[in-house]
Amino acid sequence: MSAPGGEGGTPSPAGLGAGAIRDLAVRHGIRPTKALGQHFLIDPNLARAIVADAGIERGDRVVEIGAGLGSLTLALAVVGARVRAIEFDRRLIPALEEATAGLDGVEIVHADAMKFHWGTELASEPWTVCANLPYNISAPLVLSILEDAPTVRRVVVMVQREVGERLAATVGQEGYGAVSVRVAYRAAASIVRRVPASVFWPRPKVASVVVRLDRLDTPPVHAEPERLWRVVDAGFAERRKTMRNALRRLGLDLAAADAVLTSCGVASTARAEELDLVTFAAIGEALPR
């Protein structure tokens, strides 16, 4: 049997459309699972656009997370990428193998991306993560990759709009929070594409976006990470509270909290969503040792 991608297993530039995806699913008795946040990409034009957004070229090493039924996998293969396609749902593996049969450079891995040892599995050479992420794991997974896999130089993922806005937000934008600050410490992030629900099967009830994150060579601030994240997490733990209250939750008395904030040029009435990464780092370094 020829792979759905093209004659004799050669990937077709046309990719896998809605009909081919549904036929593949029927042959393998597959229905999308809500518990796993499955929304399969059925628009080959968007799959190709995401590959272009990621700047993938022949020979690039790419990790795809949640490969599903292979729409994005084939689009990556067409440009000559070496793809490690990770899929958690064991039911999908035979269908994914059929969709990619005969393609050079595609490795299918049955694994839980949330338990994947990114630092050891991707220990050498630069990698790009390119994926249509399950909505229920997207934010923690992106943060895990940024923190644990320094060889991943770029992350381009399709996620729920609200999640994408949190990943890419800066001070003053809706969605800005602790996740935004953690991303800004390691990457430059931007929303590169808005995605209609019609490109998925089944259609999600929420809007989606494609986010691109390019890893920074060095963090933009000099700070002890433990002190920095203590302040960030305390600040956003109760968003309506002031940074003075956040520092008091860290064990400072009122006078000490005000002294730290004053030394950093921060008003005692300021809230976490008003502060950028540089200011959080300064507060962390000013904490009593």
C-alpha atoms as a PDB file:
ATOM      1  CA  MET A   1       0.000   0.000   0.000  1.00  0.00           C
ATOM      2  CA  SER A   2       1.285   3.452  -0.858  1.00  0.00           C
ATOM      3  CA  ALA A   3       1.555   5.978   1.924  1.00  0.00           C
ATOM      4  CA  PRO A   4      -1.219   8.606   1.882  1.00  0.00           C
ATOM      5  CA  GLY A   5       1.438  11.239   1.276  1.00  0.00           C
ATOM      6  CA  GLY A   6       2.116  10.091  -2.303  1.00  0.00           C
ATOM      7  CA  GLU A   7       3.000   7.322  -4.744  1.00  0.00           C
ATOM      8  CA  GLY A   8       5.275   4.664  -3.255  1.00  0.00           C
ATOM      9  CA  GLY A   9       5.760   6.536  -0.010  1.00  0.00           C
ATOM     10  CA  THR A  10       7.056   9.736  -1.600  1.00  0.00           C
ATOM     11  CA  PRO A  11       5.577  12.725   0.237  1.00  0.00           C
ATOM     12  CA  SER A  12       3.252  14.756  -1.956  1.00  0.00           C
ATOM     13  CA  PRO A  13       3.444  18.565  -1.845  1.00  0.00           C
ATOM     14  CA  ALA A  14      -0.343  18.425  -1.570  1.00  0.00           C
ATOM     15  CA  GLY A  15      -0.011  16.890   1.892  1.00  0.00           C
ATOM     16  CA  LEU A  16      -2.813  15.289   3.883  1.00  0.00           C
ATOM     17  CA  GLY A  17      -6.175  17.018   3.550  1.00  0.00           C
ATOM     18  CA  ALA A  18      -9.402  16.520   5.477  1.00  0.00           C
ATOM     19  CA  GLY A  19     -10.571  13.551   3.387  1.00  0.00           C
ATOM     20  CA  ALA A  20      -7.261  11.699   3.605  1.00  0.00           C
ATOM     21  CA  ILE A  21      -7.021  12.286   7.353  1.00  0.00           C
ATOM     22  CA  ARG A  22     -10.544  11.022   8.002  1.00  0.00           C
ATOM     23  CA  ASP A  23     -10.037   7.989   5.725  1.00  0.00           C
ATOM     24  CA  LEU A  24      -6.838   7.153   7.579  1.00  0.00           C
ATOM     25  CA  ALA A  25      -8.643   7.455  10.906  1.00  0.00           C
ATOM     26  CA  VAL A  26     -11.518   5.226   9.744  1.00  0.00           C
ATOM     27  CA  ARG A  27      -9.149   2.504   8.546  1.00  0.00           C
ATOM     28  CA  HIS A  28      -7.511   2.421  11.958  1.00  0.00           C
ATOM     29  CA  GLY A  29     -10.664   2.842  14.048  1.00  0.00           C
ATOM     30  CA  ILE A  30      -9.565   6.192  15.464  1.00  0.00           C
ATOM     31  CA  ARG A  31     -11.715   8.907  16.972  1.00  0.00           C
ATOM     32  CA  PRO A  32     -10.189  12.059  18.502  1.00  0.00           C
ATOM     33  CA  THR A  33     -10.023  11.879  22.290  1.00  0.00           C
ATOM     34  CA  LYS A  34     -11.138  14.915  24.271  1.00  0.00           C
ATOM     35  CA  ALA A  35      -9.228  13.762  27.354  1.00  0.00           C
ATOM     36  CA  LEU A  36      -5.967  14.041  25.402  1.00  0.00           C
ATOM     37  CA  GLY A  37      -6.871  17.403  23.881  1.00  0.00           C
ATOM     38  CA  GLN A  38      -6.740  15.954  20.355  1.00  0.00           C
ATOM     39  CA  HIS A  39      -7.610  18.255  17.466  1.00  0.00           C
ATOM     40  CA  PHE A  40      -6.036  16.884  14.298  1.00  0.00           C
ATOM     41  CA  LEU A  41      -4.758  19.333  11.686  1.00  0.00           C
ATOM     42  CA  ILE A  42      -6.591  18.706   8.402  1.00  0.00           C
ATOM     43  CA  ASP A  43      -5.424  21.674   6.296  1.00  0.00           C
ATOM     44  CA  PRO A  44      -2.204  20.912   4.360  1.00  0.00           C
ATOM     45  CA  ASN A  45      -1.848  24.584   3.404  1.00  0.00           C
ATOM     46  CA  LEU A  46      -1.588  25.542   7.064  1.00  0.00           C
ATOM     47  CA  ALA A  47       0.824  22.671   7.712  1.00  0.00           C
ATOM     48  CA  ARG A  48       3.119  24.053   5.005  1.00  0.00           C
ATOM     49  CA  ALA A  49       2.700  27.583   6.390  1.00  0.00           C
ATOM     50  CA  ILE A  50       3.789  26.460   9.866  1.00  0.00           C
ATOM     51  CA  VAL A  51       6.874  24.813   8.399  1.00  0.00           C
ATOM     52  CA  ALA A  52       7.654  28.102   6.647  1.00  0.00           C
ATOM     53  CA  ASP A  53       7.029  30.041   9.880  1.00  0.00           C
ATOM     54  CA  ALA A  54       9.624  27.824  11.554  1.00  0.00           C
ATOM     55  CA  GLY A  55      12.170  28.437   8.799  1.00  0.00           C
ATOM     56  CA  ILE A  56      12.733  24.694   8.341  1.00  0.00           C
ATOM     57  CA  GLU A  57      15.217  23.728   5.629  1.00  0.00           C
ATOM     58  CA  ARG A  58      16.584  20.478   4.234  1.00  0.00           C
ATOM     59  CA  GLY A  59      18.607  18.581   6.815  1.00  0.00           C
ATOM     60  CA  ASP A  60      17.263  20.487   9.847  1.00  0.00           C
ATOM     61  CA  ARG A  61      16.593  18.377  12.936  1.00  0.00           C
ATOM     62  CA  VAL A  62      12.992  18.792  14.051  1.00  0.00           C
ATOM     63  CA  VAL A  63      11.047  17.418  16.996  1.00  0.00           C
ATOM     64  CA  GLU A  64       7.311  17.230  16.414  1.00  0.00           C
ATOM     65  CA  ILE A  65       5.209  16.735  19.545  1.00  0.00           C
ATOM     66  CA  GLY A  66       1.768  15.204  19.233  1.00  0.00           C
ATOM     67  CA  ALA A  67       2.272  14.063  15.644  1.00  0.00           C
ATOM     68  CA  GLY A  68      -1.285  12.715  15.513  1.00  0.00           C
ATOM     69  CA  LEU A  69      -2.199  11.474  12.031  1.00  0.00           C
ATOM     70  CA  GLY A  70       0.795  12.999  10.301  1.00  0.00           C
ATOM     71  CA  SER A  71      -0.368  16.166   8.534  1.00  0.00           C
ATOM     72  CA  LEU A  72       2.451  18.341   9.874  1.00  0.00           C
ATOM     73  CA  THR A  73       4.887  15.400   9.792  1.00  0.00           C
ATOM     74  CA  LEU A  74       4.478  15.107   6.017  1.00  0.00           C
ATOM     75  CA  ALA A  75       4.859  18.858   5.522  1.00  0.00           C
ATOM     76  CA  LEU A  76       8.164  18.703   7.413  1.00  0.00           C
ATOM     77  CA  ALA A  77       9.294  15.676   5.400  1.00  0.00           C
ATOM     78  CA  VAL A  78       8.548  17.423   2.089  1.00  0.00           C
ATOM     79  CA  VAL A  79      11.181  20.097   2.796  1.00  0.00           C
ATOM     80  CA  GLY A  80      13.734  17.449   3.757  1.00  0.00           C
ATOM     81  CA  ALA A  81      13.768  17.841   7.537  1.00  0.00           C
ATOM     82  CA  ARG A  82      14.924  14.996   9.777  1.00  0.00           C
ATOM     83  CA  VAL A  83      11.863  14.550  11.952  1.00  0.00           C
ATOM     84  CA  ARG A  84      11.505  12.890  15.338  1.00  0.00           C
ATOM     85  CA  ALA A  85       7.717  12.570  15.626  1.00  0.00           C
ATOM     86  CA  ILE A  86       6.600  12.026  19.226  1.00  0.00           C
ATOM     87  CA  GLU A  87       3.116  10.647  19.870  1.00  0.00           C
ATOM     88  CA  PHE A  88       1.658   9.690  23.241  1.00  0.00           C
ATOM     89  CA  ASP A  89      -1.517   7.941  22.071  1.00  0.00           C
ATOM     90  CA  ARG A  90      -0.528   4.382  21.174  1.00  0.00           C
ATOM     91  CA  ARG A  91      -3.698   3.984  19.064  1.00  0.00           C
ATOM     92  CA  LEU A  92      -2.341   6.507  16.562  1.00  0.00           C
ATOM     93  CA  ILE A  93       1.025   4.885  15.972  1.00  0.00           C
ATOM     94  CA  PRO A  94      -0.063   2.429  13.205  1.00  0.00           C
ATOM     95  CA  ALA A  95      -1.889   5.221  11.355  1.00  0.00           C
ATOM     96  CA  LEU A  96       1.092   7.538  11.697  1.00  0.00           C
ATOM     97  CA  GLU A  97       3.365   4.780  10.433  1.00  0.00           C
ATOM     98  CA  GLU A  98       1.107   4.321   7.399  1.00  0.00           C
ATOM     99  CA  ALA A  99       1.040   8.059   6.678  1.00  0.00           C
ATOM    100  CA  THR A 100       4.846   8.253   6.761  1.00  0.00           C
ATOM    101  CA  ALA A 101       5.666   4.854   5.222  1.00  0.00           C
ATOM    102  CA  GLY A 102       8.718   4.970   2.991  1.00  0.00           C
ATOM    103  CA  LEU A 103       9.776   8.460   3.999  1.00  0.00           C
ATOM    104  CA  ASP A 104      13.437   8.965   4.773  1.00  0.00           C
ATOM    105  CA  GLY A 105      14.306  10.953   7.859  1.00  0.00           C
ATOM    106  CA  VAL A 106      11.101  10.361   9.848  1.00  0.00           C
ATOM    107  CA  GLU A 107      11.450   8.589  13.201  1.00  0.00           C
ATOM    108  CA  ILE A 108       8.255   7.824  15.139  1.00  0.00           C
ATOM    109  CA  VAL A 109       8.614   7.719  18.918  1.00  0.00           C
ATOM    110  CA  HIS A 110       5.863   6.535  21.275  1.00  0.00           C
ATOM    111  CA  ALA A 111       6.454   8.658  24.377  1.00  0.00           C
ATOM    112  CA  ASP A 112       4.896  11.067  26.842  1.00  0.00           C
ATOM    113  CA  ALA A 113       6.332  14.470  25.985  1.00  0.00           C
ATOM    114  CA  MET A 114       5.698  15.653  29.556  1.00  0.00           C
ATOM    115  CA  LYS A 115       8.065  12.936  30.819  1.00  0.00           C
ATOM    116  CA  PHE A 116      10.571  13.175  27.992  1.00  0.00           C
ATOM    117  CA  HIS A 117      14.173  13.781  29.059  1.00  0.00           C
ATOM    118  CA  TRP A 118      14.771  16.701  26.724  1.00  0.00           C
ATOM    119  CA  GLY A 119      18.276  17.477  27.921  1.00  0.00           C
ATOM    120  CA  THR A 120      19.564  13.968  27.243  1.00  0.00           C
ATOM    121  CA  GLU A 121      17.429  13.034  24.223  1.00  0.00           C
ATOM    122  CA  LEU A 122      18.425  16.198  22.376  1.00  0.00           C
ATOM    123  CA  ALA A 123      21.951  16.453  23.711  1.00  0.00           C
ATOM    124  CA  SER A 124      23.766  17.372  20.514  1.00  0.00           C
ATOM    125  CA  GLU A 125      23.281  19.556  17.431  1.00  0.00           C
ATOM    126  CA  PRO A 126      20.648  22.289  17.091  1.00  0.00           C
ATOM    127  CA  TRP A 127      16.983  21.273  17.050  1.00  0.00           C
ATOM    128  CA  THR A 128      13.704  22.983  16.240  1.00  0.00           C
ATOM    129  CA  VAL A 129      10.430  22.054  17.903  1.00  0.00           C
ATOM    130  CA  CYS A 130       7.523  22.348  15.459  1.00  0.00           C
ATOM    131  CA  ALA A 131       4.139  21.081  16.636  1.00  0.00           C
ATOM    132  CA  ASN A 132       0.392  21.307  16.900  1.00  0.00           C
ATOM    133  CA  LEU A 133       0.367  20.929  20.673  1.00  0.00           C
ATOM    134  CA  PRO A 134      -2.454  19.345  22.648  1.00  0.00           C
ATOM    135  CA  TYR A 135      -4.147  22.230  24.428  1.00  0.00           C
ATOM    136  CA  ASN A 136      -3.980  20.637  27.864  1.00  0.00           C
ATOM    137  CA  ILE A 137      -0.164  20.478  28.065  1.00  0.00           C
ATOM    138  CA  SER A 138       1.040  23.334  25.887  1.00  0.00           C
ATOM    139  CA  ALA A 139       2.264  26.001  28.352  1.00  0.00           C
ATOM    140  CA  PRO A 140       4.103  23.714  30.822  1.00  0.00           C
ATOM    141  CA  LEU A 141       5.608  21.751  27.936  1.00  0.00           C
ATOM    142  CA  VAL A 142       7.000  24.842  26.210  1.00  0.00           C
ATOM    143  CA  LEU A 143       8.512  26.047  29.490  1.00  0.00           C
ATOM    144  CA  SER A 144      10.039  22.620  30.115  1.00  0.00           C
ATOM    145  CA  ILE A 145      11.690  22.624  26.690  1.00  0.00           C
ATOM    146  CA  LEU A 146      13.078  26.127  27.153  1.00  0.00           C
ATOM    147  CA  GLU A 147      14.448  25.258  30.592  1.00  0.00           C
ATOM    148  CA  ASP A 148      15.779  21.750  29.968  1.00  0.00           C
ATOM    149  CA  ALA A 149      16.784  21.539  26.296  1.00  0.00           C
ATOM    150  CA  PRO A 150      19.395  24.180  25.414  1.00  0.00           C
ATOM    151  CA  THR A 151      20.003  22.550  22.012  1.00  0.00           C
ATOM    152  CA  VAL A 152      16.444  23.494  20.977  1.00  0.00           C
ATOM    153  CA  ARG A 153      17.084  26.818  19.312  1.00  0.00           C
ATOM    154  CA  ARG A 154      13.575  27.526  18.074  1.00  0.00           C
ATOM    155  CA  VAL A 155      10.056  26.530  19.110  1.00  0.00           C
ATOM    156  CA  VAL A 156       7.149  27.064  16.704  1.00  0.00           C
ATOM    157  CA  VAL A 157       3.877  25.699  18.038  1.00  0.00           C
ATOM    158  CA  MET A 158       0.166  25.983  17.416  1.00  0.00           C
ATOM    159  CA  VAL A 159      -1.655  26.489  20.707  1.00  0.00           C
ATOM    160  CA  GLN A 160      -4.876  27.851  22.159  1.00  0.00           C
ATOM    161  CA  ARG A 161      -5.022  31.635  21.652  1.00  0.00           C
ATOM    162  CA  GLU A 162      -5.020  32.448  25.366  1.00  0.00           C
ATOM    163  CA  VAL A 163      -1.961  30.260  25.907  1.00  0.00           C
ATOM    164  CA  GLY A 164      -0.158  31.833  22.973  1.00  0.00           C
ATOM    165  CA  GLU A 165      -0.871  35.299  24.312  1.00  0.00           C
ATOM    166  CA  ARG A 166       0.549  34.327  27.709  1.00  0.00           C
ATOM    167  CA  LEU A 167       3.705  32.937  26.110  1.00  0.00           C
ATOM    168  CA  ALA A 168       4.344  36.055  24.024  1.00  0.00           C
ATOM    169  CA  ALA A 169       2.914  38.846  26.198  1.00  0.00           C
ATOM    170  CA  THR A 170       4.916  41.814  27.428  1.00  0.00           C
ATOM    171  CA  VAL A 171       4.116  44.307  30.186  1.00  0.00           C
ATOM    172  CA  GLY A 172       0.783  46.003  29.608  1.00  0.00           C
ATOM    173  CA  GLN A 173      -0.611  43.311  27.332  1.00  0.00           C
ATOM    174  CA  GLU A 174      -3.509  41.051  28.192  1.00  0.00           C
ATOM    175  CA  GLY A 175      -2.247  37.672  29.263  1.00  0.00           C
ATOM    176  CA  TYR A 176       1.027  38.942  30.756  1.00  0.00           C
ATOM    177  CA  GLY A 177       1.994  36.840  33.749  1.00  0.00           C
ATOM    178  CA  ALA A 178       4.558  34.508  35.274  1.00  0.00           C
ATOM    179  CA  VAL A 179       4.664  32.354  32.124  1.00  0.00           C
ATOM    180  CA  SER A 180       5.463  35.441  30.029  1.00  0.00           C
ATOM    181  CA  VAL A 181       8.361  36.376  32.294  1.00  0.00           C
ATOM    182  CA  ARG A 182       9.786  32.846  32.252  1.00  0.00           C
ATOM    183  CA  VAL A 183       9.661  32.817  28.459  1.00  0.00           C
ATOM    184  CA  ALA A 184      11.282  36.269  28.207  1.00  0.00           C
ATOM    185  CA  TYR A 185      14.212  35.020  30.328  1.00  0.00           C
ATOM    186  CA  ARG A 186      15.121  32.462  27.652  1.00  0.00           C
ATOM    187  CA  ALA A 187      13.536  33.437  24.330  1.00  0.00           C
ATOM    188  CA  ALA A 188      12.155  36.146  22.071  1.00  0.00           C
ATOM    189  CA  ALA A 189       8.509  35.256  21.472  1.00  0.00           C
ATOM    190  CA  SER A 190       5.873  36.468  19.047  1.00  0.00           C
ATOM    191  CA  ILE A 191       2.521  35.410  17.646  1.00  0.00           C
ATOM    192  CA  VAL A 192       3.084  34.829  13.925  1.00  0.00           C
ATOM    193  CA  ARG A 193      -0.269  33.488  12.773  1.00  0.00           C
ATOM    194  CA  ARG A 194      -3.907  33.334  13.864  1.00  0.00           C
ATOM    195  CA  VAL A 195      -5.636  30.060  13.065  1.00  0.00           C
ATOM    196  CA  PRO A 196      -9.333  29.412  12.322  1.00  0.00           C
ATOM    197  CA  ALA A 197     -11.134  26.496  13.956  1.00  0.00           C
ATOM    198  CA  SER A 198     -12.005  25.082  10.529  1.00  0.00           C
ATOM    199  CA  VAL A 199      -8.494  23.633  10.049  1.00  0.00           C
ATOM    200  CA  PHE A 200      -9.013  21.087  12.836  1.00  0.00           C
ATOM    201  CA  TRP A 201     -10.927  17.854  13.262  1.00  0.00           C
ATOM    202  CA  PRO A 202     -12.872  18.093  15.484  1.00  0.00           C
ATOM    203  CA  ARG A 203     -13.295  21.853  15.537  1.00  0.00           C
ATOM    204  CA  PRO A 204     -12.178  23.310  18.874  1.00  0.00           C
ATOM    205  CA  LYS A 205     -14.426  25.739  20.710  1.00  0.00           C
ATOM    206  CA  VAL A 206     -11.524  28.147  21.191  1.00  0.00           C
ATOM    207  CA  ALA A 207      -9.336  30.134  18.820  1.00  0.00           C
ATOM    208  CA  SER A 208      -5.748  29.129  18.102  1.00  0.00           C
ATOM    209  CA  VAL A 209      -2.487  30.869  17.181  1.00  0.00           C
ATOM    210  CA  VAL A 210       0.991  29.923  16.024  1.00  0.00           C
ATOM    211  CA  VAL A 211       3.726  31.176  18.351  1.00  0.00           C
ATOM    212  CA  ARG A 212       7.411  31.366  17.501  1.00  0.00           C
ATOM    213  CA  LEU A 213      10.059  31.428  20.233  1.00  0.00           C
ATOM    214  CA  ASP A 214      13.729  31.963  19.337  1.00  0.00           C
ATOM    215  CA  ARG A 215      16.133  31.041  22.107  1.00  0.00           C
ATOM    216  CA  LEU A 216      18.399  33.814  23.371  1.00  0.00           C
ATOM    217  CA  ASP A 217      22.110  33.032  23.560  1.00  0.00           C
ATOM    218  CA  THR A 218      22.182  34.408  27.103  1.00  0.00           C
ATOM    219  CA  PRO A 219      19.438  35.631  29.453  1.00  0.00           C
ATOM    220  CA  PRO A 220      18.839  39.384  29.149  1.00  0.00           C
ATOM    221  CA  VAL A 221      19.407  39.863  32.900  1.00  0.00           C
ATOM    222  CA  HIS A 222      22.066  38.754  35.364  1.00  0.00           C
ATOM    223  CA  ALA A 223      20.237  37.140  38.240  1.00  0.00           C
ATOM    224  CA  GLU A 224      20.222  34.080  40.429  1.00  0.00           C
ATOM    225  CA  PRO A 225      17.325  32.094  38.944  1.00  0.00           C
ATOM    226  CA  GLU A 226      16.108  30.852  42.334  1.00  0.00           C
ATOM    227  CA  ARG A 227      15.783  34.396  43.689  1.00  0.00           C
ATOM    228  CA  LEU A 228      14.259  35.680  40.466  1.00  0.00           C
ATOM    229  CA  TRP A 229      11.543  33.013  40.291  1.00  0.00           C
ATOM    230  CA  ARG A 230      10.724  33.362  43.991  1.00  0.00           C
ATOM    231  CA  VAL A 231       9.820  36.990  43.352  1.00  0.00           C
ATOM    232  CA  VAL A 232       7.981  36.312  40.060  1.00  0.00           C
ATOM    233  CA  ASP A 233       5.911  33.466  41.508  1.00  0.00           C
ATOM    234  CA  ALA A 234       5.069  35.398  44.679  1.00  0.00           C
ATOM    235  CA  GLY A 235       4.123  38.475  42.655  1.00  0.00           C
ATOM    236  CA  PHE A 236       1.682  36.670  40.383  1.00  0.00           C
ATOM    237  CA  ALA A 237       0.312  34.295  43.036  1.00  0.00           C
ATOM    238  CA  GLU A 238      -2.322  36.886  43.989  1.00  0.00           C
ATOM    239  CA  ARG A 239      -2.595  39.228  41.017  1.00  0.00           C
ATOM    240  CA  ARG A 240      -4.684  41.859  42.796  1.00  0.00           C
ATOM    241  CA  LYS A 241      -2.178  42.196  45.605  1.00  0.00           C
ATOM    242  CA  THR A 242       0.732  44.625  45.552  1.00  0.00           C
ATOM    243  CA  MET A 243       4.417  43.724  45.338  1.00  0.00           C
ATOM    244  CA  ARG A 244       4.726  44.928  48.918  1.00  0.00           C
ATOM    245  CA  ASN A 245       2.334  42.142  49.927  1.00  0.00           C
ATOM    246  CA  ALA A 246       4.215  39.659  47.729  1.00  0.00           C
ATOM    247  CA  LEU A 247       7.492  40.435  49.498  1.00  0.00           C
ATOM    248  CA  ARG A 248       5.836  40.118  52.857  1.00  0.00           C
ATOM    249  CA  ARG A 249       4.682  36.645  51.839  1.00  0.00           C
ATOM    250  CA  LEU A 250       8.355  35.898  51.241  1.00  0.00           C
ATOM    251  CA  GLY A 251       9.072  36.714  54.884  1.00  0.00           C
ATOM    252  CA  LEU A 252      10.012  40.404  54.796  1.00  0.00           C
ATOM    253  CA  ASP A 253       8.472  42.794  57.267  1.00  0.00           C
ATOM    254  CA  LEU A 254       6.774  45.961  56.026  1.00  0.00           C
ATOM    255  CA  ALA A 255       9.836  48.195  56.391  1.00  0.00           C
ATOM    256  CA  ALA A 256      12.137  45.702  54.671  1.00  0.00           C
ATOM    257  CA  ALA A 257       9.685  45.170  51.812  1.00  0.00           C
ATOM    258  CA  ASP A 258       9.381  48.899  51.216  1.00  0.00           C
ATOM    259  CA  ALA A 259      13.162  49.307  51.379  1.00  0.00           C
ATOM    260  CA  VAL A 260      13.719  46.646  48.714  1.00  0.00           C
ATOM    261  CA  LEU A 261      11.133  48.159  46.392  1.00  0.00           C
ATOM    262  CA  THR A 262      12.420  51.695  46.880  1.00  0.00           C
ATOM    263  CA  SER A 263      15.977  50.582  46.076  1.00  0.00           C
ATOM    264  CA  CYS A 264      14.683  49.204  42.767  1.00  0.00           C
ATOM    265  CA  GLY A 265      12.609  52.268  41.905  1.00  0.00           C
ATOM    266  CA  VAL A 266       9.329  50.393  42.359  1.00  0.00           C
ATOM    267  CA  ALA A 267       6.309  51.919  44.086  1.00  0.00           C
ATOM    268  CA  SER A 268       5.012  49.965  47.069  1.00  0.00           C
ATOM    269  CA  THR A 269       1.576  49.948  45.397  1.00  0.00           C
ATOM    270  CA  ALA A 270       2.873  48.402  42.145  1.00  0.00           C
ATOM    271  CA  ARG A 271       1.466  45.058  41.047  1.00  0.00           C
ATOM    272  CA  ALA A 272       3.323  42.228  39.337  1.00  0.00           C
ATOM    273  CA  GLU A 273       1.690  42.800  35.938  1.00  0.00           C
ATOM    274  CA  GLU A 274       3.275  46.285  35.871  1.00  0.00           C
ATOM    275  CA  LEU A 275       6.840  44.963  36.164  1.00  0.00           C
ATOM    276  CA  ASP A 276       9.145  43.577  33.492  1.00  0.00           C
ATOM    277  CA  LEU A 277      11.832  40.905  33.706  1.00  0.00           C
ATOM    278  CA  VAL A 278      14.584  43.434  34.449  1.00  0.00           C
ATOM    279  CA  THR A 279      12.671  44.818  37.415  1.00  0.00           C
ATOM    280  CA  PHE A 280      11.840  41.378  38.810  1.00  0.00           C
ATOM    281  CA  ALA A 281      15.531  40.477  38.582  1.00  0.00           C
ATOM    282  CA  ALA A 282      16.520  43.656  40.414  1.00  0.00           C
ATOM    283  CA  ILE A 283      14.047  42.925  43.221  1.00  0.00           C
ATOM    284  CA  GLY A 284      15.325  39.373  43.522  1.00  0.00           C
ATOM    285  CA  GLU A 285      18.914  40.560  43.829  1.00  0.00           C
ATOM    286  CA  ALA A 286      17.892  43.181  46.425  1.00  0.00           C
ATOM    287  CA  LEU A 287      16.297  40.638  48.755  1.00  0.00           C
ATOM    288  CA  PRO A 288      18.152  40.194  52.078  1.00  0.00           C
ATOM    289  CA  ARG A 289      20.593  37.312  51.967  1.00  0.00           C
END
